PDB file of N, CA and C in Angstrom:
ATOM      1  N   MET A   1      44.044  46.939  13.099  1.00  0.00           N
ATOM      2  CA  MET A   1      44.399  46.633  11.721  1.00  0.00           C
ATOM      3  C   MET A   1      44.610  45.127  11.576  1.00  0.00           C
ATOM      4  N   SER A   2      44.112  44.578  10.491  1.00  0.00           N
ATOM      5  CA  SER A   2      44.216  43.141  10.260  1.00  0.00           C
ATOM      6  C   SER A   2      45.631  42.759   9.845  1.00  0.00           C
ATOM      7  N   ALA A   3      46.023  41.574  10.276  1.00  0.00           N
ATOM      8  CA  ALA A   3      47.335  41.063   9.893  1.00  0.00           C
ATOM      9  C   ALA A   3      47.318  40.517   8.465  1.00  0.00           C
ATOM     10  N   LEU A   4      46.124  40.291   7.936  1.00  0.00           N
ATOM     11  CA  LEU A   4      45.999  39.725   6.596  1.00  0.00           C
ATOM     12  C   LEU A   4      45.822  40.821   5.556  1.00  0.00           C
ATOM     13  N   PRO A   5      46.283  40.572   4.330  1.00  0.00           N
ATOM     14  CA  PRO A   5      46.067  41.545   3.258  1.00  0.00           C
ATOM     15  C   PRO A   5      44.577  41.616   2.912  1.00  0.00           C
ATOM     16  N   VAL A   6      44.188  42.669   2.218  1.00  0.00           N
ATOM     17  CA  VAL A   6      42.795  42.800   1.792  1.00  0.00           C
ATOM     18  C   VAL A   6      42.493  41.824   0.664  1.00  0.00           C
ATOM     19  N   GLU A   7      43.491  41.504  -0.162  1.00  0.00           N
ATOM     20  CA  GLU A   7      43.285  40.590  -1.290  1.00  0.00           C
ATOM     21  C   GLU A   7      44.374  39.528  -1.331  1.00  0.00           C
ATOM     22  N   ILE A   8      43.989  38.376  -1.879  1.00  0.00           N
ATOM     23  CA  ILE A   8      44.969  37.336  -2.181  1.00  0.00           C
ATOM     24  C   ILE A   8      44.730  36.861  -3.611  1.00  0.00           C
ATOM     25  N   GLU A   9      45.740  36.239  -4.164  1.00  0.00           N
ATOM     26  CA  GLU A   9      45.644  35.673  -5.504  1.00  0.00           C
ATOM     27  C   GLU A   9      45.114  34.241  -5.408  1.00  0.00           C
ATOM     28  N   VAL A  10      44.590  33.745  -6.515  1.00  0.00           N
ATOM     29  CA  VAL A  10      44.031  32.393  -6.532  1.00  0.00           C
ATOM     30  C   VAL A  10      45.085  31.330  -6.219  1.00  0.00           C
ATOM     31  N   ASP A  11      46.329  31.568  -6.595  1.00  0.00           N
ATOM     32  CA  ASP A  11      47.395  30.608  -6.321  1.00  0.00           C
ATOM     33  C   ASP A  11      47.572  30.402  -4.813  1.00  0.00           C
ATOM     34  N   GLU A  12      47.510  31.504  -4.065  1.00  0.00           N
ATOM     35  CA  GLU A  12      47.664  31.408  -2.619  1.00  0.00           C
ATOM     36  C   GLU A  12      46.460  30.698  -1.997  1.00  0.00           C
ATOM     37  N   LEU A  13      45.256  31.018  -2.469  1.00  0.00           N
ATOM     38  CA  LEU A  13      44.076  30.322  -1.960  1.00  0.00           C
ATOM     39  C   LEU A  13      44.175  28.831  -2.239  1.00  0.00           C
ATOM     40  N   SER A  14      44.632  28.470  -3.405  1.00  0.00           N
ATOM     41  CA  SER A  14      44.781  27.056  -3.745  1.00  0.00           C
ATOM     42  C   SER A  14      45.711  26.354  -2.754  1.00  0.00           C
ATOM     43  N   LEU A  15      46.807  27.011  -2.407  1.00  0.00           N
ATOM     44  CA  LEU A  15      47.738  26.442  -1.431  1.00  0.00           C
ATOM     45  C   LEU A  15      47.085  26.299  -0.064  1.00  0.00           C
ATOM     46  N   TRP A  16      46.331  27.313   0.355  1.00  0.00           N
ATOM     47  CA  TRP A  16      45.636  27.244   1.639  1.00  0.00           C
ATOM     48  C   TRP A  16      44.682  26.060   1.659  1.00  0.00           C
ATOM     49  N   LEU A  17      43.908  25.897   0.587  1.00  0.00           N
ATOM     50  CA  LEU A  17      42.927  24.811   0.546  1.00  0.00           C
ATOM     51  C   LEU A  17      43.609  23.445   0.524  1.00  0.00           C
ATOM     52  N   GLU A  18      44.691  23.335  -0.233  1.00  0.00           N
ATOM     53  CA  GLU A  18      45.439  22.075  -0.290  1.00  0.00           C
ATOM     54  C   GLU A  18      46.026  21.705   1.066  1.00  0.00           C
ATOM     55  N   SER A  19      46.431  22.706   1.832  1.00  0.00           N
ATOM     56  CA  SER A  19      47.055  22.449   3.131  1.00  0.00           C
ATOM     57  C   SER A  19      46.022  22.269   4.240  1.00  0.00           C
ATOM     58  N   LYS A  20      44.744  22.343   3.877  1.00  0.00           N
ATOM     59  CA  LYS A  20      43.652  22.189   4.854  1.00  0.00           C
ATOM     60  C   LYS A  20      43.699  23.281   5.917  1.00  0.00           C
ATOM     61  N   ALA A  21      44.144  24.469   5.527  1.00  0.00           N
ATOM     62  CA  ALA A  21      44.181  25.609   6.449  1.00  0.00           C
ATOM     63  C   ALA A  21      42.763  25.958   6.892  1.00  0.00           C
ATOM     64  N   ASP A  22      42.660  26.618   8.027  1.00  0.00           N
ATOM     65  CA  ASP A  22      41.361  27.055   8.545  1.00  0.00           C
ATOM     66  C   ASP A  22      40.912  28.268   7.736  1.00  0.00           C
ATOM     67  N   VAL A  23      40.236  27.985   6.629  1.00  0.00           N
ATOM     68  CA  VAL A  23      39.764  29.043   5.739  1.00  0.00           C
ATOM     69  C   VAL A  23      38.353  28.692   5.284  1.00  0.00           C
ATOM     70  N   ALA A  24      37.507  29.702   5.253  1.00  0.00           N
ATOM     71  CA  ALA A  24      36.137  29.532   4.772  1.00  0.00           C
ATOM     72  C   ALA A  24      35.972  30.356   3.505  1.00  0.00           C
ATOM     73  N   LEU A  25      35.098  29.900   2.631  1.00  0.00           N
ATOM     74  CA  LEU A  25      34.825  30.596   1.381  1.00  0.00           C
ATOM     75  C   LEU A  25      33.414  31.170   1.417  1.00  0.00           C
ATOM     76  N   VAL A  26      33.271  32.406   0.971  1.00  0.00           N
ATOM     77  CA  VAL A  26      31.960  33.044   0.859  1.00  0.00           C
ATOM     78  C   VAL A  26      31.811  33.557  -0.566  1.00  0.00           C
ATOM     79  N   ASP A  27      30.790  33.059  -1.241  1.00  0.00           N
ATOM     80  CA  ASP A  27      30.488  33.411  -2.635  1.00  0.00           C
ATOM     81  C   ASP A  27      29.383  34.455  -2.631  1.00  0.00           C
ATOM     82  N   VAL A  28      29.676  35.671  -3.105  1.00  0.00           N
ATOM     83  CA  VAL A  28      28.684  36.747  -3.092  1.00  0.00           C
ATOM     84  C   VAL A  28      28.028  36.974  -4.459  1.00  0.00           C
ATOM     85  N   ARG A  29      28.160  35.996  -5.357  1.00  0.00           N
ATOM     86  CA  ARG A  29      27.515  36.114  -6.665  1.00  0.00           C
ATOM     87  C   ARG A  29      26.015  35.829  -6.558  1.00  0.00           C
ATOM     88  N   GLU A  30      25.305  36.103  -7.631  1.00  0.00           N
ATOM     89  CA  GLU A  30      23.865  35.846  -7.687  1.00  0.00           C
ATOM     90  C   GLU A  30      23.613  34.362  -7.914  1.00  0.00           C
ATOM     91  N   ASP A  31      22.387  33.933  -7.613  1.00  0.00           N
ATOM     92  CA  ASP A  31      22.010  32.526  -7.751  1.00  0.00           C
ATOM     93  C   ASP A  31      22.331  31.965  -9.133  1.00  0.00           C
ATOM     94  N   TRP A  32      21.979  32.714 -10.183  1.00  0.00           N
ATOM     95  CA  TRP A  32      22.177  32.204 -11.543  1.00  0.00           C
ATOM     96  C   TRP A  32      23.659  31.984 -11.847  1.00  0.00           C
ATOM     97  N   GLU A  33      24.521  32.789 -11.244  1.00  0.00           N
ATOM     98  CA  GLU A  33      25.957  32.636 -11.468  1.00  0.00           C
ATOM     99  C   GLU A  33      26.488  31.373 -10.781  1.00  0.00           C
ATOM    100  N   VAL A  34      26.000  31.109  -9.596  1.00  0.00           N
ATOM    101  CA  VAL A  34      26.440  29.929  -8.848  1.00  0.00           C
ATOM    102  C   VAL A  34      26.042  28.656  -9.578  1.00  0.00           C
ATOM    103  N   LYS A  35      24.913  28.703 -10.302  1.00  0.00           N
ATOM    104  CA  LYS A  35      24.472  27.532 -11.064  1.00  0.00           C
ATOM    105  C   LYS A  35      25.432  27.218 -12.212  1.00  0.00           C
ATOM    106  N   LEU A  36      26.166  28.213 -12.689  1.00  0.00           N
ATOM    107  CA  LEU A  36      27.098  28.017 -13.797  1.00  0.00           C
ATOM    108  C   LEU A  36      28.407  27.369 -13.347  1.00  0.00           C
ATOM    109  N   CYS A  37      28.905  27.778 -12.200  1.00  0.00           N
ATOM    110  CA  CYS A  37      30.145  27.231 -11.655  1.00  0.00           C
ATOM    111  C   CYS A  37      30.241  27.638 -10.193  1.00  0.00           C
ATOM    112  N   ALA A  38      30.929  26.821  -9.403  1.00  0.00           N
ATOM    113  CA  ALA A  38      31.041  27.107  -7.980  1.00  0.00           C
ATOM    114  C   ALA A  38      32.287  26.449  -7.407  1.00  0.00           C
ATOM    115  N   LEU A  39      32.730  26.982  -6.290  1.00  0.00           N
ATOM    116  CA  LEU A  39      33.823  26.357  -5.541  1.00  0.00           C
ATOM    117  C   LEU A  39      33.182  25.504  -4.444  1.00  0.00           C
ATOM    118  N   PRO A  40      33.561  24.237  -4.373  1.00  0.00           N
ATOM    119  CA  PRO A  40      32.968  23.344  -3.371  1.00  0.00           C
ATOM    120  C   PRO A  40      33.154  23.872  -1.948  1.00  0.00           C
ATOM    121  N   GLY A  41      32.098  23.763  -1.171  1.00  0.00           N
ATOM    122  CA  GLY A  41      32.163  24.148   0.227  1.00  0.00           C
ATOM    123  C   GLY A  41      31.944  25.614   0.509  1.00  0.00           C
ATOM    124  N   ALA A  42      31.753  26.427  -0.523  1.00  0.00           N
ATOM    125  CA  ALA A  42      31.551  27.860  -0.307  1.00  0.00           C
ATOM    126  C   ALA A  42      30.150  28.124   0.235  1.00  0.00           C
ATOM    127  N   THR A  43      30.053  29.096   1.128  1.00  0.00           N
ATOM    128  CA  THR A  43      28.771  29.578   1.618  1.00  0.00           C
ATOM    129  C   THR A  43      28.291  30.640   0.640  1.00  0.00           C
ATOM    130  N   HIS A  44      27.087  30.481   0.115  1.00  0.00           N
ATOM    131  CA  HIS A  44      26.562  31.409  -0.878  1.00  0.00           C
ATOM    132  C   HIS A  44      25.674  32.449  -0.202  1.00  0.00           C
ATOM    133  N   ILE A  45      26.122  33.708  -0.247  1.00  0.00           N
ATOM    134  CA  ILE A  45      25.348  34.838   0.256  1.00  0.00           C
ATOM    135  C   ILE A  45      25.481  35.964  -0.771  1.00  0.00           C
ATOM    136  N   PRO A  46      24.464  36.166  -1.632  1.00  0.00           N
ATOM    137  CA  PRO A  46      24.559  37.247  -2.611  1.00  0.00           C
ATOM    138  C   PRO A  46      24.880  38.591  -1.942  1.00  0.00           C
ATOM    139  N   LEU A  47      25.666  39.412  -2.617  1.00  0.00           N
ATOM    140  CA  LEU A  47      26.142  40.673  -2.053  1.00  0.00           C
ATOM    141  C   LEU A  47      25.022  41.503  -1.438  1.00  0.00           C
ATOM    142  N   GLY A  48      23.908  41.636  -2.129  1.00  0.00           N
ATOM    143  CA  GLY A  48      22.810  42.458  -1.628  1.00  0.00           C
ATOM    144  C   GLY A  48      22.183  41.924  -0.350  1.00  0.00           C
ATOM    145  N   GLN A  49      22.400  40.656  -0.063  1.00  0.00           N
ATOM    146  CA  GLN A  49      21.830  40.038   1.139  1.00  0.00           C
ATOM    147  C   GLN A  49      22.822  39.980   2.298  1.00  0.00           C
ATOM    148  N   LEU A  50      24.057  40.364   2.048  1.00  0.00           N
ATOM    149  CA  LEU A  50      25.108  40.207   3.056  1.00  0.00           C
ATOM    150  C   LEU A  50      24.800  40.902   4.385  1.00  0.00           C
ATOM    151  N   PRO A  51      24.353  42.158   4.394  1.00  0.00           N
ATOM    152  CA  PRO A  51      24.097  42.793   5.699  1.00  0.00           C
ATOM    153  C   PRO A  51      23.074  42.025   6.554  1.00  0.00           C
ATOM    154  N   GLY A  52      22.060  41.486   5.941  1.00  0.00           N
ATOM    155  CA  GLY A  52      21.048  40.756   6.683  1.00  0.00           C
ATOM    156  C   GLY A  52      21.410  39.325   6.997  1.00  0.00           C
ATOM    157  N   ARG A  53      22.442  38.816   6.339  1.00  0.00           N
ATOM    158  CA  ARG A  53      22.828  37.415   6.531  1.00  0.00           C
ATOM    159  C   ARG A  53      24.252  37.255   7.046  1.00  0.00           C
ATOM    160  N   ALA A  54      24.828  38.325   7.576  1.00  0.00           N
ATOM    161  CA  ALA A  54      26.220  38.278   8.048  1.00  0.00           C
ATOM    162  C   ALA A  54      26.429  37.209   9.114  1.00  0.00           C
ATOM    163  N   GLY A  55      25.391  36.866   9.838  1.00  0.00           N
ATOM    164  CA  GLY A  55      25.497  35.819  10.839  1.00  0.00           C
ATOM    165  C   GLY A  55      25.783  34.456  10.241  1.00  0.00           C
ATOM    166  N   GLU A  56      25.583  34.322   8.937  1.00  0.00           N
ATOM    167  CA  GLU A  56      25.864  33.061   8.250  1.00  0.00           C
ATOM    168  C   GLU A  56      27.309  32.959   7.755  1.00  0.00           C
ATOM    169  N   VAL A  57      28.057  34.044   7.869  1.00  0.00           N
ATOM    170  CA  VAL A  57      29.459  34.009   7.446  1.00  0.00           C
ATOM    171  C   VAL A  57      30.196  33.071   8.390  1.00  0.00           C
ATOM    172  N   PRO A  58      30.865  32.050   7.840  1.00  0.00           N
ATOM    173  CA  PRO A  58      31.547  31.073   8.696  1.00  0.00           C
ATOM    174  C   PRO A  58      32.592  31.730   9.586  1.00  0.00           C
ATOM    175  N   GLN A  59      32.699  31.214  10.775  1.00  0.00           N
ATOM    176  CA  GLN A  59      33.728  31.683  11.700  1.00  0.00           C
ATOM    177  C   GLN A  59      34.981  30.837  11.465  1.00  0.00           C
ATOM    178  N   ALA A  60      35.940  31.399  10.805  1.00  0.00           N
ATOM    179  CA  ALA A  60      37.207  30.726  10.514  1.00  0.00           C
ATOM    180  C   ALA A  60      38.305  31.754  10.710  1.00  0.00           C
ATOM    181  N   SER A  61      39.546  31.265  10.760  1.00  0.00           N
ATOM    182  CA  SER A  61      40.634  32.223  10.940  1.00  0.00           C
ATOM    183  C   SER A  61      40.740  33.159   9.739  1.00  0.00           C
ATOM    184  N   ARG A  62      40.354  32.653   8.568  1.00  0.00           N
ATOM    185  CA  ARG A  62      40.361  33.477   7.353  1.00  0.00           C
ATOM    186  C   ARG A  62      39.073  33.196   6.587  1.00  0.00           C
ATOM    187  N   VAL A  63      38.463  34.255   6.091  1.00  0.00           N
ATOM    188  CA  VAL A  63      37.256  34.130   5.279  1.00  0.00           C
ATOM    189  C   VAL A  63      37.570  34.750   3.923  1.00  0.00           C
ATOM    190  N   VAL A  64      37.632  33.927   2.890  1.00  0.00           N
ATOM    191  CA  VAL A  64      37.936  34.415   1.552  1.00  0.00           C
ATOM    192  C   VAL A  64      36.616  34.625   0.813  1.00  0.00           C
ATOM    193  N   VAL A  65      36.413  35.865   0.367  1.00  0.00           N
ATOM    194  CA  VAL A  65      35.188  36.269  -0.306  1.00  0.00           C
ATOM    195  C   VAL A  65      35.473  36.369  -1.801  1.00  0.00           C
ATOM    196  N   PHE A  66      34.548  35.827  -2.619  1.00  0.00           N
ATOM    197  CA  PHE A  66      34.767  35.895  -4.062  1.00  0.00           C
ATOM    198  C   PHE A  66      33.468  36.142  -4.814  1.00  0.00           C
ATOM    199  N   CYS A  67      33.637  36.640  -6.038  1.00  0.00           N
ATOM    200  CA  CYS A  67      32.530  36.840  -6.971  1.00  0.00           C
ATOM    201  C   CYS A  67      33.050  36.431  -8.349  1.00  0.00           C
ATOM    202  N   HIS A  68      32.532  37.055  -9.395  1.00  0.00           N
ATOM    203  CA  HIS A  68      32.955  36.694 -10.749  1.00  0.00           C
ATOM    204  C   HIS A  68      34.379  37.172 -11.041  1.00  0.00           C
ATOM    205  N   HIS A  69      34.605  38.485 -10.906  1.00  0.00           N
ATOM    206  CA  HIS A  69      35.929  39.040 -11.209  1.00  0.00           C
ATOM    207  C   HIS A  69      36.611  39.722 -10.028  1.00  0.00           C
ATOM    208  N   GLY A  70      35.928  39.873  -8.910  1.00  0.00           N
ATOM    209  CA  GLY A  70      36.557  40.439  -7.717  1.00  0.00           C
ATOM    210  C   GLY A  70      36.056  41.785  -7.265  1.00  0.00           C
ATOM    211  N   GLY A  71      35.229  42.449  -8.052  1.00  0.00           N
ATOM    212  CA  GLY A  71      34.736  43.775  -7.666  1.00  0.00           C
ATOM    213  C   GLY A  71      33.695  43.734  -6.557  1.00  0.00           C
ATOM    214  N   ARG A  72      32.679  42.928  -6.734  1.00  0.00           N
ATOM    215  CA  ARG A  72      31.640  42.813  -5.705  1.00  0.00           C
ATOM    216  C   ARG A  72      32.207  42.230  -4.425  1.00  0.00           C
ATOM    217  N   SER A  73      33.070  41.249  -4.567  1.00  0.00           N
ATOM    218  CA  SER A  73      33.634  40.626  -3.368  1.00  0.00           C
ATOM    219  C   SER A  73      34.572  41.579  -2.626  1.00  0.00           C
ATOM    220  N   LEU A  74      35.208  42.504  -3.339  1.00  0.00           N
ATOM    221  CA  LEU A  74      36.023  43.509  -2.650  1.00  0.00           C
ATOM    222  C   LEU A  74      35.124  44.398  -1.799  1.00  0.00           C
ATOM    223  N   ARG A  75      33.982  44.814  -2.349  1.00  0.00           N
ATOM    224  CA  ARG A  75      33.023  45.604  -1.567  1.00  0.00           C
ATOM    225  C   ARG A  75      32.532  44.801  -0.365  1.00  0.00           C
ATOM    226  N   ALA A  76      32.248  43.510  -0.565  1.00  0.00           N
ATOM    227  CA  ALA A  76      31.799  42.652   0.530  1.00  0.00           C
ATOM    228  C   ALA A  76      32.889  42.522   1.592  1.00  0.00           C
ATOM    229  N   THR A  77      34.133  42.351   1.161  1.00  0.00           N
ATOM    230  CA  THR A  77      35.257  42.233   2.091  1.00  0.00           C
ATOM    231  C   THR A  77      35.391  43.499   2.919  1.00  0.00           C
ATOM    232  N   GLN A  78      35.287  44.654   2.269  1.00  0.00           N
ATOM    233  CA  GLN A  78      35.388  45.918   2.987  1.00  0.00           C
ATOM    234  C   GLN A  78      34.253  46.057   3.999  1.00  0.00           C
ATOM    235  N   TRP A  79      33.042  45.660   3.610  1.00  0.00           N
ATOM    236  CA  TRP A  79      31.903  45.723   4.518  1.00  0.00           C
ATOM    237  C   TRP A  79      32.120  44.777   5.701  1.00  0.00           C
ATOM    238  N   LEU A  80      32.554  43.550   5.415  1.00  0.00           N
ATOM    239  CA  LEU A  80      32.785  42.584   6.483  1.00  0.00           C
ATOM    240  C   LEU A  80      33.840  43.085   7.467  1.00  0.00           C
ATOM    241  N   ARG A  81      34.941  43.621   6.952  1.00  0.00           N
ATOM    242  CA  ARG A  81      36.000  44.131   7.840  1.00  0.00           C
ATOM    243  C   ARG A  81      35.488  45.285   8.691  1.00  0.00           C
ATOM    244  N   ALA A  82      34.660  46.138   8.113  1.00  0.00           N
ATOM    245  CA  ALA A  82      34.106  47.271   8.859  1.00  0.00           C
ATOM    246  C   ALA A  82      33.099  46.824   9.910  1.00  0.00           C
ATOM    247  N   ASN A  83      32.631  45.585   9.791  1.00  0.00           N
ATOM    248  CA  ASN A  83      31.619  45.075  10.704  1.00  0.00           C
ATOM    249  C   ASN A  83      32.119  43.894  11.538  1.00  0.00           C
ATOM    250  N   GLY A  84      33.407  43.906  11.835  1.00  0.00           N
ATOM    251  CA  GLY A  84      33.951  42.969  12.794  1.00  0.00           C
ATOM    252  C   GLY A  84      34.598  41.706  12.252  1.00  0.00           C
ATOM    253  N   PHE A  85      34.571  41.505  10.943  1.00  0.00           N
ATOM    254  CA  PHE A  85      35.211  40.328  10.357  1.00  0.00           C
ATOM    255  C   PHE A  85      36.607  40.728   9.877  1.00  0.00           C
ATOM    256  N   SER A  86      37.520  40.882  10.821  1.00  0.00           N
ATOM    257  CA  SER A  86      38.846  41.408  10.494  1.00  0.00           C
ATOM    258  C   SER A  86      39.667  40.468   9.628  1.00  0.00           C
ATOM    259  N   GLN A  87      39.249  39.211   9.511  1.00  0.00           N
ATOM    260  CA  GLN A  87      40.008  38.246   8.732  1.00  0.00           C
ATOM    261  C   GLN A  87      39.398  38.003   7.345  1.00  0.00           C
ATOM    262  N   ALA A  88      38.494  38.870   6.907  1.00  0.00           N
ATOM    263  CA  ALA A  88      37.912  38.752   5.563  1.00  0.00           C
ATOM    264  C   ALA A  88      38.939  39.180   4.523  1.00  0.00           C
ATOM    265  N   ILE A  89      39.010  38.419   3.436  1.00  0.00           N
ATOM    266  CA  ILE A  89      39.995  38.658   2.382  1.00  0.00           C
ATOM    267  C   ILE A  89      39.302  38.497   1.035  1.00  0.00           C
ATOM    268  N   ASN A  90      39.552  39.406   0.126  1.00  0.00           N
ATOM    269  CA  ASN A  90      38.995  39.321  -1.220  1.00  0.00           C
ATOM    270  C   ASN A  90      39.859  38.421  -2.104  1.00  0.00           C
ATOM    271  N   LEU A  91      39.198  37.630  -2.951  1.00  0.00           N
ATOM    272  CA  LEU A  91      39.919  36.811  -3.928  1.00  0.00           C
ATOM    273  C   LEU A  91      40.086  37.637  -5.204  1.00  0.00           C
ATOM    274  N   ALA A  92      41.288  38.101  -5.450  1.00  0.00           N
ATOM    275  CA  ALA A  92      41.582  38.916  -6.626  1.00  0.00           C
ATOM    276  C   ALA A  92      41.261  38.124  -7.899  1.00  0.00           C
ATOM    277  N   GLY A  93      40.501  38.724  -8.778  1.00  0.00           N
ATOM    278  CA  GLY A  93      40.168  38.078 -10.041  1.00  0.00           C
ATOM    279  C   GLY A  93      38.981  37.141  -9.964  1.00  0.00           C
ATOM    280  N   GLY A  94      38.514  36.859  -8.749  1.00  0.00           N
ATOM    281  CA  GLY A  94      37.317  36.063  -8.552  1.00  0.00           C
ATOM    282  C   GLY A  94      37.387  34.646  -9.100  1.00  0.00           C
ATOM    283  N   ILE A  95      36.203  34.082  -9.278  1.00  0.00           N
ATOM    284  CA  ILE A  95      36.117  32.698  -9.743  1.00  0.00           C
ATOM    285  C   ILE A  95      36.611  32.567 -11.187  1.00  0.00           C
ATOM    286  N   HIS A  96      36.574  33.662 -11.920  1.00  0.00           N
ATOM    287  CA  HIS A  96      37.085  33.634 -13.292  1.00  0.00           C
ATOM    288  C   HIS A  96      38.597  33.357 -13.288  1.00  0.00           C
ATOM    289  N   ALA A  97      39.320  34.037 -12.403  1.00  0.00           N
ATOM    290  CA  ALA A  97      40.769  33.798 -12.290  1.00  0.00           C
ATOM    291  C   ALA A  97      41.031  32.377 -11.805  1.00  0.00           C
ATOM    292  N   TRP A  98      40.184  31.880 -10.903  1.00  0.00           N
ATOM    293  CA  TRP A  98      40.324  30.503 -10.426  1.00  0.00           C
ATOM    294  C   TRP A  98      40.203  29.535 -11.605  1.00  0.00           C
ATOM    295  N   ALA A  99      39.206  29.746 -12.458  1.00  0.00           N
ATOM    296  CA  ALA A  99      39.002  28.870 -13.617  1.00  0.00           C
ATOM    297  C   ALA A  99      40.180  28.965 -14.585  1.00  0.00           C
ATOM    298  N   GLU A 100      40.691  30.157 -14.796  1.00  0.00           N
ATOM    299  CA  GLU A 100      41.801  30.332 -15.734  1.00  0.00           C
ATOM    300  C   GLU A 100      43.102  29.737 -15.222  1.00  0.00           C
ATOM    301  N   ARG A 101      43.398  29.916 -13.935  1.00  0.00           N
ATOM    302  CA  ARG A 101      44.722  29.559 -13.420  1.00  0.00           C
ATOM    303  C   ARG A 101      44.777  28.285 -12.595  1.00  0.00           C
ATOM    304  N   ILE A 102      43.665  27.888 -12.008  1.00  0.00           N
ATOM    305  CA  ILE A 102      43.697  26.729 -11.113  1.00  0.00           C
ATOM    306  C   ILE A 102      42.903  25.555 -11.668  1.00  0.00           C
ATOM    307  N   ASP A 103      41.708  25.797 -12.187  1.00  0.00           N
ATOM    308  CA  ASP A 103      40.822  24.727 -12.642  1.00  0.00           C
ATOM    309  C   ASP A 103      40.321  24.999 -14.052  1.00  0.00           C
ATOM    310  N   PRO A 104      41.141  24.708 -15.061  1.00  0.00           N
ATOM    311  CA  PRO A 104      40.760  25.004 -16.452  1.00  0.00           C
ATOM    312  C   PRO A 104      39.543  24.228 -16.938  1.00  0.00           C
ATOM    313  N   ASP A 105      39.112  23.205 -16.206  1.00  0.00           N
ATOM    314  CA  ASP A 105      37.907  22.474 -16.579  1.00  0.00           C
ATOM    315  C   ASP A 105      36.634  23.143 -16.076  1.00  0.00           C
ATOM    316  N   MET A 106      36.770  24.143 -15.218  1.00  0.00           N
ATOM    317  CA  MET A 106      35.616  24.854 -14.691  1.00  0.00           C
ATOM    318  C   MET A 106      34.972  25.710 -15.777  1.00  0.00           C
ATOM    319  N   ALA A 107      33.658  25.717 -15.796  1.00  0.00           N
ATOM    320  CA  ALA A 107      32.932  26.568 -16.747  1.00  0.00           C
ATOM    321  C   ALA A 107      33.203  28.037 -16.442  1.00  0.00           C
ATOM    322  N   THR A 108      33.289  28.826 -17.500  1.00  0.00           N
ATOM    323  CA  THR A 108      33.445  30.271 -17.338  1.00  0.00           C
ATOM    324  C   THR A 108      32.294  30.972 -18.021  1.00  0.00           C
ATOM    325  N   TYR A 109      32.096  32.211 -17.658  1.00  0.00           N
ATOM    326  CA  TYR A 109      31.009  33.014 -18.254  1.00  0.00           C
ATOM    327  C   TYR A 109      31.401  34.458 -18.299  1.00  0.00           C
TER     328      TYR A 109
END
């Protein structure tokens, strides 16, 4: 069982990033969505491509997975945990929550 929760809030992720914690970001949205807004430094692997591209998931102590609102990334997080990525964590509310609560200048859709 993982020591980390399955989901975290955007506020906690913001603190992790500010503190330079060992955390990697994985964006499972589609290409067109990433063109609208993105989190810097995130590895982009659309959800449907994740099984074939799991080797591209960064090796970090924590891997935070996100999408638009958190549904697809929750499925991705569950898949990653079932396939050996015990430190995968879903970003509750996705990039939309990030834009609303952390970066109000970020484009939303």
